[in-house]
Structure formats: structure tokens, C-alpha cells
Amino acid sequence: MISNDIKLTECQICFERFNKTNKEPKLLNCGHTFCKECLIHIQKRIEEINCSICGKKQYEKNIEDFTTNRVLYDLLFSNS
């Protein structure tokens, strides 16, 4: 069961709604999703990205290499 506090349409780092540009939902190899902008900020600060939820190390070096969460993206933007 998903907690009522978690909004699947929002990044769990900045709590802003995903969008098609800077807040594009990016899927980490652990299965968690964060916005592109937050991942860029994290990488600028510490170079290595670990999941903010489970702590798993991410192996992609370039944010553009992270897969867009297509299921979430299509649910949010299929009518726009």
C-alpha cells in the first residue's frame, strides 16, 4: 500500500510536479523515480548519485543516460 503522503506525480526530493522539461521523471536502476533537475543538482554537488530513498548506487554517469519513467510520463502527459 502506498502512503497517502507520497504523491506519484511529484519528485520525492523537491516535491514539485514532474513536467516534460526540467522536471522530467527519471528512473533509477533501483526502480525509484526523481526529476531530472534534482539529479543534476545532486551530481554537481557530489558527482556520484545514490538513491535518496534506498541508498543504492547508480551506475549511469550522465543524467541523460537515465531512462525516462515512460509509464509515469505517459500517464501524466498523454493528453497534453
PDB file of N, CA and C in Angstrom:
ATOM      1  N   MET A   1       0.833  -1.178   0.000  1.00  0.00           N
ATOM      2  CA  MET A   1       0.000   0.000   0.000  1.00  0.00           C
ATOM      3  C   MET A   1       0.884   1.251   0.000  1.00  0.00           C
ATOM      4  N   ILE A   2       0.508   2.230  -0.778  1.00  0.00           N
ATOM      5  CA  ILE A   2       1.266   3.467  -0.894  1.00  0.00           C
ATOM      6  C   ILE A   2       0.788   4.457   0.166  1.00  0.00           C
ATOM      7  N   SER A   3       1.725   5.070   0.857  1.00  0.00           N
ATOM      8  CA  SER A   3       1.397   6.067   1.867  1.00  0.00           C
ATOM      9  C   SER A   3       0.665   7.243   1.233  1.00  0.00           C
ATOM     10  N   ASN A   4      -0.275   7.802   1.956  1.00  0.00           N
ATOM     11  CA  ASN A   4      -1.007   8.968   1.462  1.00  0.00           C
ATOM     12  C   ASN A   4      -0.099  10.181   1.321  1.00  0.00           C
ATOM     13  N   ASP A   5       1.060  10.166   1.993  1.00  0.00           N
ATOM     14  CA  ASP A   5       1.994  11.285   1.922  1.00  0.00           C
ATOM     15  C   ASP A   5       2.778  11.312   0.615  1.00  0.00           C
ATOM     16  N   ILE A   6       2.872  10.173  -0.064  1.00  0.00           N
ATOM     17  CA  ILE A   6       3.647  10.091  -1.304  1.00  0.00           C
ATOM     18  C   ILE A   6       2.740  10.382  -2.488  1.00  0.00           C
ATOM     19  N   LYS A   7       3.134  11.368  -3.277  1.00  0.00           N
ATOM     20  CA  LYS A   7       2.400  11.703  -4.493  1.00  0.00           C
ATOM     21  C   LYS A   7       3.228  11.220  -5.664  1.00  0.00           C
ATOM     22  N   LEU A   8       2.693  10.289  -6.430  1.00  0.00           N
ATOM     23  CA  LEU A   8       3.432   9.702  -7.535  1.00  0.00           C
ATOM     24  C   LEU A   8       3.700  10.689  -8.661  1.00  0.00           C
ATOM     25  N   THR A   9       3.007  11.805  -8.662  1.00  0.00           N
ATOM     26  CA  THR A   9       3.198  12.816  -9.703  1.00  0.00           C
ATOM     27  C   THR A   9       4.271  13.830  -9.327  1.00  0.00           C
ATOM     28  N   GLU A  10       4.902  13.645  -8.152  1.00  0.00           N
ATOM     29  CA  GLU A  10       5.905  14.592  -7.669  1.00  0.00           C
ATOM     30  C   GLU A  10       7.236  13.907  -7.401  1.00  0.00           C
ATOM     31  N   CYS A  11       8.303  14.648  -7.624  1.00  0.00           N
ATOM     32  CA  CYS A  11       9.639  14.197  -7.261  1.00  0.00           C
ATOM     33  C   CYS A  11       9.721  14.115  -5.738  1.00  0.00           C
ATOM     34  N   GLN A  12      10.295  13.043  -5.228  1.00  0.00           N
ATOM     35  CA  GLN A  12      10.385  12.858  -3.782  1.00  0.00           C
ATOM     36  C   GLN A  12      11.598  13.570  -3.157  1.00  0.00           C
ATOM     37  N   ILE A  13      12.304  14.359  -3.958  1.00  0.00           N
ATOM     38  CA  ILE A  13      13.382  15.197  -3.421  1.00  0.00           C
ATOM     39  C   ILE A  13      12.891  16.637  -3.278  1.00  0.00           C
ATOM     40  N   CYS A  14      12.360  17.207  -4.362  1.00  0.00           N
ATOM     41  CA  CYS A  14      11.929  18.609  -4.328  1.00  0.00           C
ATOM     42  C   CYS A  14      10.425  18.767  -4.118  1.00  0.00           C
ATOM     43  N   PHE A  15       9.669  17.683  -4.248  1.00  0.00           N
ATOM     44  CA  PHE A  15       8.215  17.663  -4.088  1.00  0.00           C
ATOM     45  C   PHE A  15       7.483  18.551  -5.085  1.00  0.00           C
ATOM     46  N   GLU A  16       8.125  18.787  -6.232  1.00  0.00           N
ATOM     47  CA  GLU A  16       7.475  19.521  -7.312  1.00  0.00           C
ATOM     48  C   GLU A  16       6.943  18.517  -8.328  1.00  0.00           C
ATOM     49  N   ARG A  17       5.902  18.921  -9.038  1.00  0.00           N
ATOM     50  CA  ARG A  17       5.262  18.045 -10.016  1.00  0.00           C
ATOM     51  C   ARG A  17       6.206  17.808 -11.202  1.00  0.00           C
ATOM     52  N   PHE A  18       6.237  16.576 -11.686  1.00  0.00           N
ATOM     53  CA  PHE A  18       7.017  16.256 -12.880  1.00  0.00           C
ATOM     54  C   PHE A  18       6.472  17.038 -14.066  1.00  0.00           C
ATOM     55  N   ASN A  19       7.370  17.374 -15.018  1.00  0.00           N
ATOM     56  CA  ASN A  19       6.938  18.013 -16.259  1.00  0.00           C
ATOM     57  C   ASN A  19       7.764  17.460 -17.420  1.00  0.00           C
ATOM     58  N   LYS A  20       7.568  18.016 -18.596  1.00  0.00           N
ATOM     59  CA  LYS A  20       8.227  17.488 -19.797  1.00  0.00           C
ATOM     60  C   LYS A  20       9.629  18.037 -20.014  1.00  0.00           C
ATOM     61  N   THR A  21      10.041  18.998 -19.231  1.00  0.00           N
ATOM     62  CA  THR A  21      11.343  19.625 -19.476  1.00  0.00           C
ATOM     63  C   THR A  21      12.310  19.364 -18.334  1.00  0.00           C
ATOM     64  N   ASN A  22      12.492  20.324 -17.446  1.00  0.00           N
ATOM     65  CA  ASN A  22      13.499  20.195 -16.383  1.00  0.00           C
ATOM     66  C   ASN A  22      13.084  19.239 -15.263  1.00  0.00           C
ATOM     67  N   LYS A  23      11.818  18.931 -15.138  1.00  0.00           N
ATOM     68  CA  LYS A  23      11.312  18.034 -14.089  1.00  0.00           C
ATOM     69  C   LYS A  23      10.874  16.685 -14.679  1.00  0.00           C
ATOM     70  N   GLU A  24      11.489  16.299 -15.779  1.00  0.00           N
ATOM     71  CA  GLU A  24      11.164  15.021 -16.419  1.00  0.00           C
ATOM     72  C   GLU A  24      11.449  13.872 -15.444  1.00  0.00           C
ATOM     73  N   PRO A  25      10.514  12.912 -15.298  1.00  0.00           N
ATOM     74  CA  PRO A  25      10.725  11.808 -14.355  1.00  0.00           C
ATOM     75  C   PRO A  25      11.775  10.816 -14.865  1.00  0.00           C
ATOM     76  N   LYS A  26      12.869  10.689 -14.124  1.00  0.00           N
ATOM     77  CA  LYS A  26      13.958   9.798 -14.499  1.00  0.00           C
ATOM     78  C   LYS A  26      13.974   8.582 -13.575  1.00  0.00           C
ATOM     79  N   LEU A  27      14.074   7.409 -14.157  1.00  0.00           N
ATOM     80  CA  LEU A  27      14.027   6.143 -13.438  1.00  0.00           C
ATOM     81  C   LEU A  27      15.445   5.700 -13.084  1.00  0.00           C
ATOM     82  N   LEU A  28      15.682   5.459 -11.816  1.00  0.00           N
ATOM     83  CA  LEU A  28      16.979   4.963 -11.370  1.00  0.00           C
ATOM     84  C   LEU A  28      17.008   3.443 -11.482  1.00  0.00           C
ATOM     85  N   ASN A  29      18.201   2.857 -11.448  1.00  0.00           N
ATOM     86  CA  ASN A  29      18.294   1.403 -11.619  1.00  0.00           C
ATOM     87  C   ASN A  29      17.697   0.630 -10.447  1.00  0.00           C
ATOM     88  N   CYS A  30      17.379   1.305  -9.347  1.00  0.00           N
ATOM     89  CA  CYS A  30      16.730   0.655  -8.205  1.00  0.00           C
ATOM     90  C   CYS A  30      15.211   0.668  -8.345  1.00  0.00           C
ATOM     91  N   GLY A  31      14.694   1.428  -9.331  1.00  0.00           N
ATOM     92  CA  GLY A  31      13.257   1.499  -9.558  1.00  0.00           C
ATOM     93  C   GLY A  31      12.599   2.764  -9.037  1.00  0.00           C
ATOM     94  N   HIS A  32      13.316   3.588  -8.291  1.00  0.00           N
ATOM     95  CA  HIS A  32      12.755   4.841  -7.795  1.00  0.00           C
ATOM     96  C   HIS A  32      12.879   5.926  -8.869  1.00  0.00           C
ATOM     97  N   THR A  33      11.997   6.914  -8.806  1.00  0.00           N
ATOM     98  CA  THR A  33      11.949   7.970  -9.810  1.00  0.00           C
ATOM     99  C   THR A  33      12.103   9.337  -9.164  1.00  0.00           C
ATOM    100  N   PHE A  34      12.968  10.163  -9.774  1.00  0.00           N
ATOM    101  CA  PHE A  34      13.193  11.536  -9.332  1.00  0.00           C
ATOM    102  C   PHE A  34      13.236  12.430 -10.563  1.00  0.00           C
ATOM    103  N   CYS A  35      13.105  13.725 -10.358  1.00  0.00           N
ATOM    104  CA  CYS A  35      13.132  14.617 -11.518  1.00  0.00           C
ATOM    105  C   CYS A  35      14.570  14.843 -11.992  1.00  0.00           C
ATOM    106  N   LYS A  36      14.668  15.124 -13.261  1.00  0.00           N
ATOM    107  CA  LYS A  36      15.956  15.367 -13.908  1.00  0.00           C
ATOM    108  C   LYS A  36      16.715  16.505 -13.224  1.00  0.00           C
ATOM    109  N   GLU A  37      16.026  17.569 -12.871  1.00  0.00           N
ATOM    110  CA  GLU A  37      16.663  18.725 -12.258  1.00  0.00           C
ATOM    111  C   GLU A  37      17.332  18.363 -10.928  1.00  0.00           C
ATOM    112  N   CYS A  38      16.651  17.597 -10.090  1.00  0.00           N
ATOM    113  CA  CYS A  38      17.236  17.195  -8.799  1.00  0.00           C
ATOM    114  C   CYS A  38      18.457  16.307  -9.009  1.00  0.00           C
ATOM    115  N   LEU A  39      18.387  15.399  -9.963  1.00  0.00           N
ATOM    116  CA  LEU A  39      19.532  14.530 -10.235  1.00  0.00           C
ATOM    117  C   LEU A  39      20.732  15.339 -10.710  1.00  0.00           C
ATOM    118  N   ILE A  40      20.485  16.358 -11.514  1.00  0.00           N
ATOM    119  CA  ILE A  40      21.567  17.235 -11.982  1.00  0.00           C
ATOM    120  C   ILE A  40      22.195  17.968 -10.799  1.00  0.00           C
ATOM    121  N   HIS A  41      21.378  18.496  -9.890  1.00  0.00           N
ATOM    122  CA  HIS A  41      21.898  19.200  -8.705  1.00  0.00           C
ATOM    123  C   HIS A  41      22.718  18.272  -7.818  1.00  0.00           C
ATOM    124  N   ILE A  42      22.243  17.056  -7.634  1.00  0.00           N
ATOM    125  CA  ILE A  42      22.974  16.087  -6.810  1.00  0.00           C
ATOM    126  C   ILE A  42      24.320  15.784  -7.449  1.00  0.00           C
ATOM    127  N   GLN A  43      24.315  15.539  -8.745  1.00  0.00           N
ATOM    128  CA  GLN A  43      25.551  15.179  -9.437  1.00  0.00           C
ATOM    129  C   GLN A  43      26.566  16.324  -9.404  1.00  0.00           C
ATOM    130  N   LYS A  44      26.101  17.557  -9.481  1.00  0.00           N
ATOM    131  CA  LYS A  44      27.012  18.709  -9.420  1.00  0.00           C
ATOM    132  C   LYS A  44      27.683  18.806  -8.055  1.00  0.00           C
ATOM    133  N   ARG A  45      26.947  18.424  -7.002  1.00  0.00           N
ATOM    134  CA  ARG A  45      27.481  18.534  -5.636  1.00  0.00           C
ATOM    135  C   ARG A  45      28.419  17.395  -5.286  1.00  0.00           C
ATOM    136  N   ILE A  46      28.041  16.164  -5.637  1.00  0.00           N
ATOM    137  CA  ILE A  46      28.821  15.027  -5.140  1.00  0.00           C
ATOM    138  C   ILE A  46      29.286  14.059  -6.225  1.00  0.00           C
ATOM    139  N   GLU A  47      28.971  14.335  -7.478  1.00  0.00           N
ATOM    140  CA  GLU A  47      29.401  13.563  -8.641  1.00  0.00           C
ATOM    141  C   GLU A  47      28.818  12.155  -8.710  1.00  0.00           C
ATOM    142  N   GLU A  48      28.662  11.485  -7.572  1.00  0.00           N
ATOM    143  CA  GLU A  48      28.100  10.130  -7.574  1.00  0.00           C
ATOM    144  C   GLU A  48      26.658  10.208  -7.081  1.00  0.00           C
ATOM    145  N   ILE A  49      25.762   9.532  -7.777  1.00  0.00           N
ATOM    146  CA  ILE A  49      24.360   9.570  -7.383  1.00  0.00           C
ATOM    147  C   ILE A  49      23.982   8.265  -6.683  1.00  0.00           C
ATOM    148  N   ASN A  50      23.445   8.415  -5.485  1.00  0.00           N
ATOM    149  CA  ASN A  50      22.850   7.307  -4.750  1.00  0.00           C
ATOM    150  C   ASN A  50      21.378   7.641  -4.574  1.00  0.00           C
ATOM    151  N   CYS A  51      20.523   6.634  -4.624  1.00  0.00           N
ATOM    152  CA  CYS A  51      19.094   6.846  -4.480  1.00  0.00           C
ATOM    153  C   CYS A  51      18.800   7.485  -3.121  1.00  0.00           C
ATOM    154  N   SER A  52      17.981   8.519  -3.124  1.00  0.00           N
ATOM    155  CA  SER A  52      17.618   9.212  -1.890  1.00  0.00           C
ATOM    156  C   SER A  52      16.665   8.399  -1.023  1.00  0.00           C
ATOM    157  N   ILE A  53      16.072   7.367  -1.580  1.00  0.00           N
ATOM    158  CA  ILE A  53      15.138   6.537  -0.814  1.00  0.00           C
ATOM    159  C   ILE A  53      15.826   5.285  -0.273  1.00  0.00           C
ATOM    160  N   CYS A  54      16.472   4.515  -1.148  1.00  0.00           N
ATOM    161  CA  CYS A  54      17.051   3.242  -0.711  1.00  0.00           C
ATOM    162  C   CYS A  54      18.571   3.262  -0.579  1.00  0.00           C
ATOM    163  N   GLY A  55      19.222   4.303  -1.106  1.00  0.00           N
ATOM    164  CA  GLY A  55      20.665   4.430  -0.996  1.00  0.00           C
ATOM    165  C   GLY A  55      21.480   3.676  -2.034  1.00  0.00           C
ATOM    166  N   LYS A  56      20.815   2.969  -2.950  1.00  0.00           N
ATOM    167  CA  LYS A  56      21.533   2.173  -3.949  1.00  0.00           C
ATOM    168  C   LYS A  56      22.326   3.080  -4.888  1.00  0.00           C
ATOM    169  N   LYS A  57      23.577   2.702  -5.148  1.00  0.00           N
ATOM    170  CA  LYS A  57      24.450   3.453  -6.046  1.00  0.00           C
ATOM    171  C   LYS A  57      23.930   3.344  -7.476  1.00  0.00           C
ATOM    172  N   GLN A  58      23.977   4.454  -8.189  1.00  0.00           N
ATOM    173  CA  GLN A  58      23.546   4.495  -9.581  1.00  0.00           C
ATOM    174  C   GLN A  58      24.781   4.480 -10.471  1.00  0.00           C
ATOM    175  N   TYR A  59      24.748   3.699 -11.520  1.00  0.00           N
ATOM    176  CA  TYR A  59      25.936   3.486 -12.339  1.00  0.00           C
ATOM    177  C   TYR A  59      26.030   4.415 -13.537  1.00  0.00           C
ATOM    178  N   GLU A  60      24.947   5.063 -13.902  1.00  0.00           N
ATOM    179  CA  GLU A  60      24.989   5.988 -15.017  1.00  0.00           C
ATOM    180  C   GLU A  60      25.813   7.207 -14.623  1.00  0.00           C
ATOM    181  N   LYS A  61      26.645   7.670 -15.513  1.00  0.00           N
ATOM    182  CA  LYS A  61      27.500   8.824 -15.234  1.00  0.00           C
ATOM    183  C   LYS A  61      26.880  10.126 -15.734  1.00  0.00           C
ATOM    184  N   ASN A  62      26.028  10.035 -16.743  1.00  0.00           N
ATOM    185  CA  ASN A  62      25.415  11.197 -17.366  1.00  0.00           C
ATOM    186  C   ASN A  62      23.915  11.145 -17.088  1.00  0.00           C
ATOM    187  N   ILE A  63      23.337  12.240 -16.624  1.00  0.00           N
ATOM    188  CA  ILE A  63      21.905  12.274 -16.310  1.00  0.00           C
ATOM    189  C   ILE A  63      21.073  11.910 -17.539  1.00  0.00           C
ATOM    190  N   GLU A  64      21.541  12.271 -18.719  1.00  0.00           N
ATOM    191  CA  GLU A  64      20.807  11.944 -19.944  1.00  0.00           C
ATOM    192  C   GLU A  64      20.737  10.429 -20.182  1.00  0.00           C
ATOM    193  N   ASP A  65      21.631   9.664 -19.544  1.00  0.00           N
ATOM    194  CA  ASP A  65      21.615   8.211 -19.685  1.00  0.00           C
ATOM    195  C   ASP A  65      20.559   7.537 -18.812  1.00  0.00           C
ATOM    196  N   PHE A  66      20.019   8.267 -17.827  1.00  0.00           N
ATOM    197  CA  PHE A  66      18.947   7.705 -17.013  1.00  0.00           C
ATOM    198  C   PHE A  66      17.698   7.572 -17.878  1.00  0.00           C
ATOM    199  N   THR A  67      17.028   6.472 -17.747  1.00  0.00           N
ATOM    200  CA  THR A  67      15.818   6.220 -18.519  1.00  0.00           C
ATOM    201  C   THR A  67      14.679   7.092 -18.004  1.00  0.00           C
ATOM    202  N   THR A  68      13.922   7.665 -18.926  1.00  0.00           N
ATOM    203  CA  THR A  68      12.710   8.367 -18.530  1.00  0.00           C
ATOM    204  C   THR A  68      11.707   7.324 -18.074  1.00  0.00           C
ATOM    205  N   ASN A  69      11.039   7.576 -16.960  1.00  0.00           N
ATOM    206  CA  ASN A  69       9.999   6.671 -16.480  1.00  0.00           C
ATOM    207  C   ASN A  69       8.812   6.827 -17.426  1.00  0.00           C
ATOM    208  N   ARG A  70       8.770   5.980 -18.463  1.00  0.00           N
ATOM    209  CA  ARG A  70       7.779   6.117 -19.540  1.00  0.00           C
ATOM    210  C   ARG A  70       6.359   5.870 -19.069  1.00  0.00           C
ATOM    211  N   VAL A  71       6.164   4.957 -18.138  1.00  0.00           N
ATOM    212  CA  VAL A  71       4.817   4.701 -17.633  1.00  0.00           C
ATOM    213  C   VAL A  71       4.275   5.959 -16.962  1.00  0.00           C
ATOM    214  N   LEU A  72       5.055   6.535 -16.080  1.00  0.00           N
ATOM    215  CA  LEU A  72       4.642   7.750 -15.395  1.00  0.00           C
ATOM    216  C   LEU A  72       4.508   8.914 -16.372  1.00  0.00           C
ATOM    217  N   TYR A  73       5.477   9.061 -17.254  1.00  0.00           N
ATOM    218  CA  TYR A  73       5.462  10.137 -18.247  1.00  0.00           C
ATOM    219  C   TYR A  73       4.196  10.063 -19.104  1.00  0.00           C
ATOM    220  N   ASP A  74       3.894   8.862 -19.594  1.00  0.00           N
ATOM    221  CA  ASP A  74       2.703   8.703 -20.447  1.00  0.00           C
ATOM    222  C   ASP A  74       1.411   8.945 -19.677  1.00  0.00           C
ATOM    223  N   LEU A  75       1.367   8.511 -18.425  1.00  0.00           N
ATOM    224  CA  LEU A  75       0.164   8.765 -17.609  1.00  0.00           C
ATOM    225  C   LEU A  75      -0.050  10.266 -17.386  1.00  0.00           C
ATOM    226  N   LEU A  76       1.042  10.980 -17.140  1.00  0.00           N
ATOM    227  CA  LEU A  76       0.937  12.415 -16.859  1.00  0.00           C
ATOM    228  C   LEU A  76       0.689  13.258 -18.096  1.00  0.00           C
ATOM    229  N   PHE A  77       1.264  12.872 -19.235  1.00  0.00           N
ATOM    230  CA  PHE A  77       1.286  13.767 -20.382  1.00  0.00           C
ATOM    231  C   PHE A  77       0.636  13.223 -21.653  1.00  0.00           C
ATOM    232  N   SER A  78      -0.050  12.100 -21.568  1.00  0.00           N
ATOM    233  CA  SER A  78      -0.634  11.520 -22.787  1.00  0.00           C
ATOM    234  C   SER A  78      -1.734  12.383 -23.396  1.00  0.00           C
ATOM    235  N   ASN A  79      -2.362  13.238 -22.613  1.00  0.00           N
ATOM    236  CA  ASN A  79      -3.435  14.099 -23.132  1.00  0.00           C
ATOM    237  C   ASN A  79      -2.966  15.512 -23.424  1.00  0.00           C
ATOM    238  N   SER A  80      -1.660  15.793 -23.241  1.00  0.00           N
ATOM    239  CA  SER A  80      -1.203  17.162 -23.471  1.00  0.00           C
ATOM    240  C   SER A  80      -0.493  17.315 -24.777  1.00  0.00           C
TER     241      SER A  80
END
